[in-house]
Amino acid sequence: MVALLSAVAETVLSRVLEEAVNRIARKVAEGKKLSDQEIVILYLDIIMRSNERRFEAIDKRFDDLKEYVDKRTNDLKEYVDKRITDLKEYVDKRFEAVDKRLDTLDKRIDSLERRVELVYNEVSSIKTDIIKMMKEYMERLYGGKKS
């Protein structure tokens, strides 16, 4: 509310000052002498215009600063996004490599399990054959089955 009143007051004051300066300029053009109040009004106009230029320059500097900060923020965001993407790709590749190694290990374990099973079956067969041979040997050595 205060800002609105301030803006309205500034606009009204600026319009009144502009009209007064125009009236004084016509008086000067006619060659008439200016009063002290009219000279003060001209000084006030000069000061107001000077302040307006300064405020415009300050506004431009703020706009330039905002543009610079926005650009730097966007650059930083792009950099961070790229780094995150690069890191994700790196981690994904590492996981793929680990998956491949695990698959290879699974295949080797499966192969070893089959080999162990074959060796176990072979040992069992040999054990059965040895027991059978020992039984035959004992029967030959001690002469047959006793009832």
Protein backbone atom coordinates (compact mmCIF):
# COMPACT_ATOMS: atom_id res chain seq x y z
CA MET A 1 0.00 0.00 0.00
CA VAL A 2 2.82 2.39 0.92
CA ALA A 3 4.66 1.50 -2.29
CA LEU A 4 1.54 2.26 -4.32
CA LEU A 5 1.08 5.63 -2.63
CA SER A 6 4.76 6.40 -3.13
CA ALA A 7 4.54 5.54 -6.83
CA VAL A 8 1.41 7.67 -7.28
CA ALA A 9 2.98 10.59 -5.41
CA GLU A 10 6.16 10.31 -7.50
CA THR A 11 4.16 10.28 -10.73
CA VAL A 12 2.06 13.30 -9.70
CA LEU A 13 5.11 15.23 -8.50
CA SER A 14 7.00 14.39 -11.70
CA ARG A 15 4.05 15.61 -13.83
CA VAL A 16 3.69 18.86 -11.85
CA LEU A 17 7.44 19.51 -12.07
CA GLU A 18 7.41 18.82 -15.82
CA GLU A 19 4.58 21.33 -16.35
CA ALA A 20 6.35 23.92 -14.22
CA VAL A 21 9.60 23.43 -16.18
CA ASN A 22 7.71 23.78 -19.48
CA ARG A 23 6.12 27.04 -18.23
CA ILE A 24 9.55 28.32 -17.11
CA ALA A 25 11.09 27.31 -20.48
CA ARG A 26 8.41 29.36 -22.32
CA LYS A 27 9.19 32.30 -20.02
CA VAL A 28 12.94 31.99 -20.80
CA ALA A 29 12.15 31.74 -24.53
CA GLU A 30 10.20 35.00 -24.24
CA GLY A 31 13.26 36.59 -22.61
CA LYS A 32 11.62 37.22 -19.23
CA LYS A 33 13.51 37.23 -15.97
CA LEU A 34 13.19 34.13 -13.69
CA SER A 35 12.27 34.32 -10.04
CA ASP A 36 14.24 32.56 -7.31
CA GLN A 37 11.49 29.92 -7.00
CA GLU A 38 11.63 29.25 -10.73
CA ILE A 39 15.42 28.81 -10.58
CA VAL A 40 14.97 26.41 -7.64
CA ILE A 41 12.39 24.49 -9.71
CA LEU A 42 14.89 24.24 -12.58
CA TYR A 43 17.58 22.96 -10.17
CA LEU A 44 15.08 20.50 -8.75
CA ASP A 45 14.32 19.31 -12.30
CA ILE A 46 18.04 18.88 -13.02
CA ILE A 47 18.49 16.92 -9.80
CA MET A 48 15.44 14.73 -10.54
CA ARG A 49 16.65 13.96 -14.07
CA SER A 50 20.14 13.22 -12.77
CA ASN A 51 18.67 10.89 -10.12
CA GLU A 52 16.53 9.18 -12.76
CA ARG A 53 19.63 8.51 -14.88
CA ARG A 54 21.46 7.17 -11.83
CA PHE A 55 18.54 4.93 -10.90
CA GLU A 56 18.33 3.71 -14.49
CA ALA A 57 22.06 2.97 -14.41
CA ILE A 58 21.67 1.14 -11.09
CA ASP A 59 18.68 -0.81 -12.47
CA LYS A 60 20.75 -1.75 -15.51
CA ARG A 61 23.59 -2.91 -13.28
CA PHE A 62 21.14 -5.01 -11.24
CA ASP A 63 19.74 -6.48 -14.46
CA ASP A 64 23.26 -7.23 -15.70
CA LEU A 65 24.13 -8.81 -12.35
CA LYS A 66 20.95 -10.90 -12.41
CA GLU A 67 21.73 -12.02 -15.95
CA TYR A 68 25.30 -12.91 -14.92
CA VAL A 69 24.13 -14.85 -11.85
CA ASP A 70 21.46 -16.65 -13.90
CA LYS A 71 24.04 -17.61 -16.53
CA ARG A 72 26.52 -18.82 -13.93
CA THR A 73 23.76 -20.77 -12.16
CA ASN A 74 22.74 -22.40 -15.43
CA ASP A 75 26.37 -23.18 -16.25
CA LEU A 76 26.83 -24.74 -12.81
CA LYS A 77 23.60 -26.72 -13.16
CA GLU A 78 24.70 -28.03 -16.57
CA TYR A 79 28.12 -28.95 -15.16
CA VAL A 80 26.61 -30.76 -12.16
CA ASP A 81 24.06 -32.55 -14.38
CA LYS A 82 26.83 -33.68 -16.72
CA ARG A 83 28.98 -34.89 -13.83
CA ILE A 84 26.05 -36.83 -12.37
CA THR A 85 25.31 -38.37 -15.77
CA ASP A 86 28.99 -39.29 -16.22
CA LEU A 87 29.11 -40.84 -12.74
CA LYS A 88 25.91 -42.81 -13.38
CA GLU A 89 27.36 -44.15 -16.63
CA TYR A 90 30.61 -45.07 -14.87
CA VAL A 91 28.76 -46.85 -12.04
CA ASP A 92 26.50 -48.65 -14.52
CA LYS A 93 29.54 -49.89 -16.46
CA ARG A 94 31.17 -51.08 -13.25
CA PHE A 95 28.01 -52.96 -12.26
CA GLU A 96 27.86 -54.53 -15.73
CA ALA A 97 31.49 -55.64 -15.38
CA VAL A 98 30.77 -57.13 -11.94
CA ASP A 99 27.67 -58.87 -13.35
CA LYS A 100 29.76 -60.40 -16.14
CA ARG A 101 32.34 -61.62 -13.63
CA LEU A 102 29.59 -63.11 -11.45
CA ASP A 103 28.08 -64.86 -14.49
CA THR A 104 31.50 -66.29 -15.33
CA LEU A 105 31.95 -67.44 -11.74
CA ASP A 106 28.48 -69.04 -11.77
CA LYS A 107 29.40 -70.96 -14.93
CA ARG A 108 32.69 -72.09 -13.39
CA ILE A 109 30.94 -73.18 -10.19
CA ASP A 110 28.35 -75.12 -12.22
CA SER A 111 31.14 -76.79 -14.18
CA LEU A 112 33.00 -77.64 -10.97
CA GLU A 113 29.81 -79.05 -9.42
CA ARG A 114 29.35 -81.33 -12.43
CA ARG A 115 32.98 -82.43 -12.22
CA VAL A 116 32.69 -83.10 -8.46
CA GLU A 117 29.51 -85.07 -9.06
CA LEU A 118 31.29 -87.14 -11.73
CA VAL A 119 34.24 -87.75 -9.39
CA TYR A 120 31.84 -88.67 -6.56
CA ASN A 121 30.00 -91.12 -8.81
CA GLU A 122 33.30 -92.57 -9.97
CA VAL A 123 34.57 -92.91 -6.38
CA SER A 124 31.28 -94.55 -5.37
CA SER A 125 31.58 -96.99 -8.25
CA ILE A 126 35.19 -97.75 -7.33
CA LYS A 127 34.16 -98.23 -3.68
CA THR A 128 31.42 -100.63 -4.70
CA ASP A 129 33.87 -102.51 -6.92
CA ILE A 130 36.46 -102.68 -4.09
CA ILE A 131 33.85 -103.97 -1.62
CA LYS A 132 32.76 -106.57 -4.16
CA MET A 133 36.37 -107.57 -4.86
CA MET A 134 37.18 -107.79 -1.15
CA LYS A 135 34.12 -109.95 -0.58
CA GLU A 136 35.20 -112.27 -3.41
CA TYR A 137 38.74 -112.31 -2.05
CA MET A 138 37.54 -113.13 1.45
CA GLU A 139 35.32 -115.86 0.12
CA ARG A 140 38.24 -117.35 -1.78
CA LEU A 141 40.60 -116.96 1.14
CA TYR A 142 38.27 -118.42 3.76
CA GLY A 143 36.41 -120.69 1.52
CA GLY A 144 32.97 -119.54 0.63
CA LYS A 145 29.94 -118.42 2.50
CA LYS A 146 29.23 -119.89 5.91
CA SER A 147 25.69 -120.34 6.96
